[in-house]
Structures are given as C-alpha cells and as structure tokens.
Protein backbone atom coordinates (compact mmCIF):
# COMPACT_ATOMS: atom_id res chain seq x y z
CA MET A 1 -31.44 9.60 5.58
CA LYS A 2 -30.44 9.81 1.90
CA ILE A 3 -30.88 13.25 0.35
CA ALA A 4 -30.33 14.08 -3.38
CA ILE A 5 -30.01 17.65 -4.65
CA LEU A 6 -30.69 17.95 -8.38
CA GLY A 7 -28.79 21.06 -9.47
CA GLY A 8 -25.62 22.70 -8.16
CA GLY A 9 -26.59 26.42 -8.33
CA LEU A 10 -27.30 28.75 -5.47
CA ALA A 11 -30.33 26.95 -4.16
CA GLY A 12 -28.81 23.48 -4.34
CA LEU A 13 -25.47 24.51 -2.82
CA SER A 14 -27.16 26.43 -0.03
CA ALA A 15 -29.30 23.42 0.82
CA ALA A 16 -26.13 21.17 0.78
CA ASN A 17 -24.31 23.59 3.18
CA VAL A 18 -27.12 23.58 5.73
CA LEU A 19 -27.61 19.82 5.47
CA GLU A 20 -23.92 19.17 6.04
CA LYS A 21 -23.93 21.58 9.10
CA TYR A 22 -26.52 19.33 10.73
CA GLY A 23 -24.77 16.05 9.89
CA VAL A 24 -26.80 15.04 6.84
CA ILE A 25 -24.54 14.42 3.83
CA PRO A 26 -26.36 14.90 0.48
CA THR A 27 -25.34 14.06 -3.05
CA VAL A 28 -25.52 16.96 -5.55
CA PHE A 29 -26.19 16.14 -9.21
CA GLU A 30 -25.06 18.93 -11.64
CA THR A 31 -25.34 18.87 -15.41
CA LYS A 32 -22.44 21.30 -16.02
CA GLN A 33 -18.76 20.28 -15.99
CA SER A 34 -18.24 22.17 -12.79
CA LEU A 35 -20.16 24.40 -10.35
CA THR A 36 -18.67 27.50 -11.93
CA ASP A 37 -18.81 26.55 -15.56
CA TYR A 38 -19.62 29.97 -17.03
CA SER A 39 -17.91 33.37 -17.35
CA PRO A 40 -17.74 35.63 -14.28
CA ARG A 41 -20.52 38.16 -13.91
CA ALA A 42 -21.60 40.73 -11.36
CA GLN A 43 -25.04 40.68 -9.82
CA THR A 44 -26.73 42.67 -7.12
CA LEU A 45 -28.61 42.31 -3.85
CA ILE A 46 -30.62 45.49 -3.29
CA SER A 47 -31.76 45.81 0.31
CA VAL A 48 -35.19 47.44 -0.29
CA PHE A 49 -36.33 44.31 -2.19
CA VAL A 50 -35.99 42.06 0.90
CA ARG A 51 -37.63 44.27 3.46
CA PRO A 52 -38.49 43.94 6.32
CA ILE A 53 -35.16 42.10 6.38
CA GLN A 54 -32.60 44.87 6.88
CA ASP A 55 -29.44 43.20 5.51
CA SER A 56 -29.62 40.09 3.32
CA ILE A 57 -26.03 38.96 4.01
CA SER A 58 -26.31 39.39 7.75
CA HIS A 59 -29.72 37.69 7.76
CA LEU A 60 -28.35 34.58 6.07
CA SER A 61 -25.50 34.26 8.56
CA GLU A 62 -27.34 35.15 11.71
CA GLU A 63 -30.63 33.31 11.04
CA HIS A 64 -29.36 30.37 9.05
CA GLY A 65 -25.60 30.02 9.70
CA LEU A 66 -24.84 30.44 5.99
CA TYR A 67 -21.81 32.58 5.45
CA ILE A 68 -21.17 34.22 2.07
CA ASN A 69 -19.07 37.26 1.25
CA PRO A 70 -20.25 39.87 -1.31
CA LYS A 71 -17.78 41.51 -3.60
CA THR A 72 -18.50 45.02 -2.27
CA ASN A 73 -21.18 47.33 -0.91
CA ILE A 74 -23.50 49.33 -3.10
CA THR A 75 -23.49 53.00 -1.95
CA GLU A 76 -25.01 54.59 -5.06
CA LEU A 77 -27.85 53.79 -7.40
CA VAL A 78 -27.99 55.96 -10.50
CA PHE A 79 -31.32 55.86 -12.35
CA HIS A 80 -31.50 56.92 -16.04
CA SER A 81 -34.79 57.44 -17.87
CA LYS A 82 -35.02 58.87 -21.35
CA ARG A 83 -34.69 62.50 -20.15
CA GLU A 84 -33.97 62.32 -16.40
CA THR A 85 -31.20 61.12 -14.08
CA ALA A 86 -31.38 60.50 -10.36
CA VAL A 87 -28.75 59.51 -7.77
CA VAL A 88 -29.70 57.74 -4.57
CA ARG A 89 -27.04 57.25 -1.86
CA GLY A 90 -26.81 55.11 1.26
CA HIS A 91 -26.06 51.55 2.33
CA LEU A 92 -28.19 50.14 -0.48
CA GLY A 93 -27.10 46.50 -0.78
CA TYR A 94 -24.29 44.42 -2.22
CA ILE A 95 -22.60 43.40 -5.48
CA THR A 96 -21.94 39.63 -5.70
CA ILE A 97 -19.90 37.70 -8.24
CA ARG A 98 -21.25 34.66 -10.04
CA GLY A 99 -19.54 32.01 -12.14
CA ASP A 100 -15.89 31.12 -12.75
CA HIS A 101 -14.24 33.42 -10.15
CA PRO A 102 -12.63 32.60 -6.77
CA SER A 103 -15.01 35.04 -5.03
CA SER A 104 -18.18 33.89 -6.77
CA LEU A 105 -21.08 32.69 -4.61
CA GLU A 106 -20.87 29.28 -6.21
CA SER A 107 -17.15 29.06 -5.42
CA GLN A 108 -17.74 30.05 -1.80
CA LEU A 109 -20.63 27.71 -1.23
CA GLY A 110 -18.86 24.83 -3.01
CA TYR A 111 -15.62 25.38 -1.06
CA ASN A 112 -17.49 25.16 2.25
CA LEU A 113 -18.74 21.67 1.50
CA LEU A 114 -16.49 19.01 3.15
CA ASP A 115 -18.20 15.69 2.67
CA THR A 116 -20.93 16.26 0.09
CA GLU A 117 -20.46 14.27 -3.12
CA ILE A 118 -20.85 16.42 -6.25
CA VAL A 119 -21.64 14.55 -9.48
CA ASN A 120 -20.76 16.77 -12.43
CA ASN A 121 -21.85 16.15 -16.03
CA SER A 122 -24.85 14.38 -14.50
CA SER A 123 -27.74 13.20 -16.71
CA PHE A 124 -29.79 11.91 -13.80
CA THR A 125 -33.44 12.95 -13.78
CA MET A 126 -36.04 13.30 -11.06
CA ALA A 127 -37.43 9.90 -11.95
CA ASP A 128 -33.94 8.31 -11.75
CA LEU A 129 -33.46 9.60 -8.17
CA GLU A 130 -36.97 9.14 -6.78
CA HIS A 131 -36.56 5.58 -5.56
CA GLU A 132 -32.91 5.86 -4.50
CA PHE A 133 -33.28 8.74 -2.04
CA ASP A 134 -35.66 9.61 0.78
CA LYS A 135 -35.99 13.22 -0.41
CA VAL A 136 -35.01 15.05 -3.58
CA ILE A 137 -34.39 18.79 -3.53
CA ILE A 138 -35.07 20.16 -7.02
CA ALA A 139 -32.73 23.07 -7.79
CA THR A 140 -32.05 22.82 -11.53
CA GLY A 141 -33.37 26.32 -12.39
CA ASP A 142 -35.62 24.86 -15.12
CA PRO A 143 -39.30 24.85 -14.03
CA ASN A 144 -40.25 22.73 -17.12
CA GLN A 145 -38.54 19.75 -15.47
CA VAL A 146 -41.12 19.66 -12.62
CA ASP A 147 -44.26 19.74 -14.76
CA GLN A 148 -44.44 15.96 -14.44
CA ILE A 149 -45.26 16.29 -10.77
CA LYS A 150 -47.32 19.47 -10.66
CA ILE A 151 -49.67 21.65 -12.67
CA PRO A 152 -47.52 23.76 -15.06
CA GLY A 153 -46.98 27.23 -13.78
CA ASN A 154 -47.17 30.64 -15.45
CA TYR A 155 -43.89 30.38 -17.40
CA LYS A 156 -42.41 33.11 -19.51
CA GLU A 157 -39.31 32.88 -21.70
CA ILE A 158 -37.01 35.84 -21.09
CA TYR A 159 -34.38 37.12 -23.59
CA TYR A 160 -31.06 38.36 -22.25
CA LYS A 161 -28.29 40.29 -23.84
CA ASP A 162 -25.24 40.39 -21.57
CA ALA A 163 -22.03 42.22 -22.29
CA LEU A 164 -18.63 42.61 -20.53
CA ILE A 165 -17.27 46.13 -20.99
CA SER A 166 -13.96 47.71 -20.02
CA GLY A 167 -13.41 51.25 -18.81
CA GLU A 168 -13.28 53.18 -15.58
CA PHE A 169 -16.01 52.49 -13.08
CA ASN A 170 -16.96 53.26 -9.55
CA LYS A 171 -17.17 49.78 -8.05
CA ASN A 172 -19.79 50.84 -5.53
CA ARG A 173 -22.15 52.45 -8.08
CA ILE A 174 -24.93 50.75 -10.06
CA HIS A 175 -26.55 52.23 -13.09
CA ILE A 176 -30.17 51.37 -13.92
CA PHE A 177 -31.76 52.33 -17.25
CA GLN A 178 -35.58 52.62 -17.44
CA ASN A 179 -36.27 53.32 -21.09
CA HIS A 180 -38.46 51.36 -23.44
CA ASN A 181 -36.12 52.34 -26.30
CA ILE A 182 -33.53 50.10 -24.63
CA ALA A 183 -35.52 47.21 -23.14
CA PRO A 184 -39.34 47.01 -23.63
CA LYS A 185 -41.27 46.03 -20.53
CA SER A 186 -38.04 45.85 -18.56
CA PHE A 187 -34.83 47.68 -17.95
CA GLY A 188 -31.06 47.67 -18.52
CA TYR A 189 -28.36 47.90 -15.93
CA LEU A 190 -24.62 48.23 -15.47
CA VAL A 191 -22.90 46.47 -12.52
CA PRO A 192 -19.10 46.70 -11.98
CA LEU A 193 -17.07 43.61 -11.63
CA ASN A 194 -14.19 45.85 -10.46
CA ASP A 195 -12.87 49.36 -11.19
CA SER A 196 -12.04 48.44 -14.81
CA LEU A 197 -14.62 45.85 -15.92
CA ALA A 198 -18.49 45.86 -15.70
CA ASN A 199 -21.42 43.80 -16.79
CA LEU A 200 -24.04 45.42 -19.02
CA LYS A 201 -27.36 43.61 -19.36
CA ILE A 202 -30.75 44.02 -20.84
CA SER A 203 -33.62 41.57 -20.53
CA PHE A 204 -37.24 41.43 -21.59
CA PRO A 205 -40.00 38.89 -22.48
CA ILE A 206 -39.05 36.88 -25.59
CA GLY A 207 -42.29 37.97 -27.34
CA TYR A 208 -40.88 41.44 -27.63
CA LEU A 209 -37.73 40.06 -29.15
CA ASN A 210 -39.84 38.37 -31.83
CA LYS A 211 -41.60 41.69 -32.55
CA TYR A 212 -38.20 43.39 -32.85
CA LEU A 213 -36.92 40.70 -35.19
CA ALA A 214 -40.11 41.04 -37.35
CA LYS A 215 -39.49 44.79 -37.63
CA GLY A 216 -35.76 44.33 -38.15
CA THR A 217 -35.00 46.62 -35.21
CA ILE A 218 -33.52 44.25 -32.64
CA SER A 219 -30.08 45.78 -33.04
CA THR A 220 -31.45 49.32 -32.84
CA GLY A 221 -32.25 49.18 -29.15
CA TRP A 222 -28.87 47.67 -28.32
CA GLN A 223 -27.00 50.19 -30.41
CA TYR A 224 -29.02 52.99 -28.85
CA PHE A 225 -27.99 51.67 -25.42
CA LEU A 226 -24.31 51.42 -26.40
CA GLN A 227 -24.26 54.91 -27.81
CA LEU A 228 -25.86 56.25 -24.63
CA LEU A 229 -23.11 54.52 -22.59
CA TYR A 230 -20.34 55.79 -24.86
CA ASN A 231 -21.57 59.31 -24.18
CA LYS A 232 -21.84 58.81 -20.42
CA PHE A 233 -18.63 56.79 -20.03
CA PRO A 234 -16.02 57.99 -22.48
CA GLY A 235 -13.36 55.34 -23.21
CA ILE A 236 -15.43 52.23 -22.60
CA SER A 237 -15.17 49.29 -25.00
CA LEU A 238 -16.97 45.99 -25.54
CA VAL A 239 -15.03 42.90 -24.45
CA GLU A 240 -17.66 40.20 -24.92
CA VAL A 241 -21.38 39.98 -25.82
CA LYS A 242 -23.69 37.01 -25.19
CA GLU A 243 -27.35 36.35 -26.02
CA PHE A 244 -29.41 33.72 -24.34
CA SER A 245 -32.83 32.99 -22.95
CA ARG A 246 -34.25 31.23 -19.90
CA ILE A 247 -37.64 30.15 -18.61
CA VAL A 248 -38.93 32.16 -15.64
CA ASN A 249 -41.59 30.66 -13.37
CA TYR A 250 -44.09 33.34 -12.21
CA ALA A 251 -45.40 31.31 -9.26
CA SER A 252 -47.97 32.83 -7.00
CA THR A 253 -48.27 32.96 -3.15
CA GLY A 254 -50.29 29.72 -3.09
CA ALA A 255 -47.78 27.67 -5.18
CA LYS A 256 -46.74 24.42 -3.49
CA GLY A 257 -43.12 23.91 -2.66
CA ARG A 258 -43.33 20.33 -1.51
CA ILE A 259 -44.92 17.68 -3.72
CA GLY A 260 -44.51 14.20 -2.29
CA ASN A 261 -40.85 13.68 -1.51
CA TYR A 262 -39.74 16.48 -3.84
CA LEU A 263 -38.89 19.97 -2.52
CA LEU A 264 -38.79 22.74 -5.18
CA THR A 265 -36.39 25.56 -4.81
CA GLY A 266 -35.11 28.56 -6.79
CA ASN A 267 -36.68 29.14 -10.22
CA CYS A 268 -38.37 25.67 -10.02
CA LEU A 269 -40.37 27.14 -7.12
CA GLY A 270 -40.84 30.68 -8.42
CA SER A 271 -39.13 33.76 -9.85
CA VAL A 272 -39.61 37.29 -11.11
CA MET A 273 -38.11 39.24 -13.99
CA PRO A 274 -34.54 40.11 -12.91
CA MET A 275 -35.33 42.44 -10.04
CA LEU A 276 -31.90 43.60 -8.96
CA GLY A 277 -30.96 40.44 -7.19
CA TYR A 278 -34.07 39.21 -5.39
CA ASP A 279 -33.82 35.96 -7.36
CA GLN A 280 -30.40 35.36 -5.73
CA PHE A 281 -31.82 35.85 -2.27
CA PHE A 282 -34.86 33.81 -3.11
CA ALA A 283 -32.80 30.90 -4.50
CA ILE A 284 -30.44 30.83 -1.44
CA SER A 285 -33.26 31.17 1.10
CA SER A 286 -35.47 28.48 -0.51
CA GLY A 287 -32.49 26.09 -0.49
CA VAL A 288 -31.86 26.86 3.17
CA HIS A 289 -35.52 26.28 4.04
CA ALA A 290 -35.62 23.04 2.05
CA ALA A 291 -32.71 21.72 4.05
CA LYS A 292 -34.24 22.85 7.34
CA SER A 293 -37.53 21.23 6.41
CA VAL A 294 -35.70 17.91 5.91
CA ILE A 295 -33.63 18.19 9.10
CA ASN A 296 -36.33 19.46 11.45
CA GLN A 297 -39.34 17.71 9.81
CA LYS A 298 -40.97 21.14 9.39
CA ASN A 299 -43.65 22.05 6.89
CA TYR A 300 -41.75 23.40 3.87
CA ASP A 301 -44.61 25.42 2.52
CA SER A 302 -45.00 27.23 5.83
CA LEU A 303 -41.25 28.00 5.93
CA ILE A 304 -41.29 29.53 2.44
CA SER A 305 -44.55 31.48 2.75
CA PRO A 306 -42.80 34.85 3.54
CA LEU A 307 -40.56 34.30 0.50
CA MET A 308 -43.60 33.61 -1.75
CA ARG A 309 -45.49 36.64 -0.44
CA GLN A 310 -42.45 38.85 -1.29
CA LEU A 311 -42.21 37.19 -4.66
CA THR A 312 -45.85 37.98 -5.45
CA LYS A 313 -45.35 41.59 -4.34
CA LEU A 314 -42.37 42.04 -6.65
CA GLN A 315 -44.25 40.41 -9.53
CA THR A 316 -47.06 42.92 -9.02
CA ILE A 317 -44.57 45.82 -9.00
CA TYR A 318 -42.82 44.54 -12.13
CA GLN A 319 -46.10 44.13 -14.02
CA GLY A 320 -47.27 47.57 -12.93
CA MET A 321 -43.99 49.16 -14.06
CA SER A 322 -44.23 47.31 -17.34
CA ALA A 323 -47.43 49.28 -18.05
CA LEU A 324 -45.59 52.62 -17.69
CA ASP A 325 -44.26 54.55 -20.66
CA ASN A 326 -41.13 56.62 -21.05
CA ARG A 327 -42.92 59.75 -19.80
CA ASP A 328 -43.93 57.91 -16.65
CA PHE A 329 -40.32 56.73 -16.17
CA ASP A 330 -39.19 60.37 -16.48
CA ASN A 331 -41.57 61.43 -13.71
CA MET A 332 -40.55 58.51 -11.54
CA VAL A 333 -36.85 59.21 -11.91
CA LYS A 334 -37.43 62.90 -11.28
CA THR A 335 -39.12 61.96 -8.02
CA LEU A 336 -36.24 59.68 -7.03
CA ASN A 337 -33.90 62.74 -7.46
CA THR A 338 -35.67 64.35 -4.43
CA ARG A 339 -35.56 63.48 -0.78
CA ALA A 340 -38.19 60.82 -1.52
CA GLY A 341 -35.62 58.65 -3.31
CA GLY A 342 -33.38 58.46 -0.30
CA ILE A 343 -36.27 57.72 2.01
CA PHE A 344 -37.56 54.95 -0.29
CA PHE A 345 -34.26 53.07 -0.63
CA ASN A 346 -32.95 53.67 2.92
CA SER A 347 -36.15 53.06 4.84
CA LYS A 348 -36.09 50.24 7.33
CA TYR A 349 -39.76 49.56 6.70
CA ASP A 350 -41.35 47.47 3.92
CA ILE A 351 -42.08 50.50 1.79
CA LEU A 352 -42.65 48.28 -1.23
CA LYS A 353 -46.15 47.64 0.10
CA VAL A 354 -46.93 51.26 -0.77
CA LEU A 355 -45.50 50.92 -4.28
CA GLU A 356 -47.37 47.61 -4.78
CA GLY A 357 -50.65 49.35 -3.84
CA LEU A 358 -49.95 52.18 -6.26
CA LEU A 359 -49.01 49.96 -9.19
CA TYR A 360 -51.67 47.18 -8.66
CA PRO A 361 -54.38 49.06 -10.60
CA MET A 362 -52.03 49.22 -13.58
CA ILE A 363 -52.20 45.46 -14.12
CA LYS A 364 -55.98 45.23 -14.01
C-alpha cells in the first residue's frame, strides 16, 4: 500500500509515526526546507479542553502508542482582565515546544521515524499525488488547498503578533489576558520557553486588524499590552517580534474527514481560534486516526467524531466569550479567583458542557 502525507507538521508526522509502527512506510511531502524551519516557540496543552480525557500526553501514549515529551507541567494559570487577577493551581496541563529546538514536538516525531521518506522543499500538490498513491493524508495546515475536493468551509483569517521576551519567569506558570484593549474578540497570553525566555502572543480575526489600521490604533493595543507587562514583570525586554496571519477552518461536527482517497487532518479538517493548545491535540489525534483508518480499514469519520464534537463545543465557547465585554471578563476572572476556579480546571468531568450551555445564547 502506497501512502502519501502532504505536510510535515504535527498531523502529518503523527500519521507517519503510526503508519511506520504498523509496517506501512509513507512518503511525507513538506514545503519547508526542514520539519523545524521556524523559530522555537512555546505552546500549551490545557487539560480541561480535552475532557473527558484526563491527560493528553498519557492518552496519546496509552491509547495510540505515540510517545511525545512536553517541556514541563503547567501548575498555575494566572488570568488577567482589565481590573481583576485570578490564580488557579493544580496539574493543569503541559507546555510544549514547537519549531527549531531539539525538544520540539516536530523534532521528536521526526526523530522517531526510521524508514519514512521526507521530501523537503516539495511543490507537489494533491492532484500530483492522487494517481501515484493509494491514499493521501492531507496535513498542510491550509484548508484552502482542499476546496477543490469539498465544499469550502467557514474560513476566517486570523492575525497574530508573536514576541519573544527575556526576563525572569516561572516556567510552570501561564499568564492569560482577557481584555479587549489588548486583543478584540480574543485574548493574549504569555508562555515560558524556560526561566529566562517566554513567548508573548495576541491573536484576533483579521477584520478587527483592518478596523484598527483604519483608525490608526493598531499599535495602541500592543503598546498597552507591553506597558502592562513591564509593570507586572520589571526587567523584561523584547527580543523579537513577528506578525503573520493564517486561515482557520471553523468546521462543524458534520464535516467530512474522508473524501474519496483523501483523508483531511489538522486545520484542513477543522480548527478553532487558538484555544490554549487544543489545536495541537486535535492535529496529532486526527493524524493518528487517519493512519489507523488506513491500517485497519476503519471509517475515518467515525474515528474522528469525538474530536469534531469537542471542536464544535470549543467553537461555541469561543464565540460566546467573544460577545463578552471587559466588565464581563472582570466578573469571570473574579469568579475564577474563588474555589470555583480550582473546581473548573481540576475537575475530572467534562465541565465545558456547562460553560457551552451558558455561552450558547450569546451567539444567537
């Protein structure tokens, strides 16, 4: 059986690892010069977003035989609204490293591959591979590329501003900023790479960037954010700042993952506004299920249905939170600073169902 994987990100590499484990050797086609052809950055896997799964890393190893090592545990989440601060403690998830770093997820997954051929700087398209391979796993991260084989999805272009900052950081503590003065319809966050470097990021729909540009205030929100951080973390300094955008595919529960001999994974299958790492878990898991569908001749859409239900739930929560104003965020953060915050993030149950129900009326 000849299997092609178009894209060498988390979804594609996860699929390749599982295929190799079962004796099927795929070929990975990657457009970049290498699997880790971008600067290192820290990302998160927050446990509450994958419930009822208790531990995302353990789940991937125990259920799928896919072994990856996070950088460190998350033991504190610090929420900042305009006027309130809350601290939640517990075993809350993991920090992972992405990009050009020996501990990055891409480095780990690529290192584990023994026989898979990886074609870098590839210009091959879906059409090029269709007749050469029995199955093609689509893992490019660009949903526009699959429009030729399916009805276009609900795509949104998301603006990102990503900075590397130096200072002194608790490497087990994540800071989340819910404040429309910083990021309209979204949030900002700070994730440590180690105890002296951290990633700082804001992201929001590109339409709000255009409104900011029209008003000449795009730099105002970023400067407001930096000044806030300078006050909270004396001695920090900017090392690097990048701006970019990407297309996010807001697929629904009923979206098809298999179309003919194509299996869609990662953002080509579905996504959500950066929701503290669920996209990482979704990409890896969809790649794993695509590989298992090929190996075991299982229905791919049935395998991914729990992932798609969770994705839809998080999309509802994000849209509901987008309708909140800064006063609502203050009230929410104030609540998180009570016993309720610890219960919410440390519960073993799928407590997001409750939040989804509360926020659903906000999007109607």
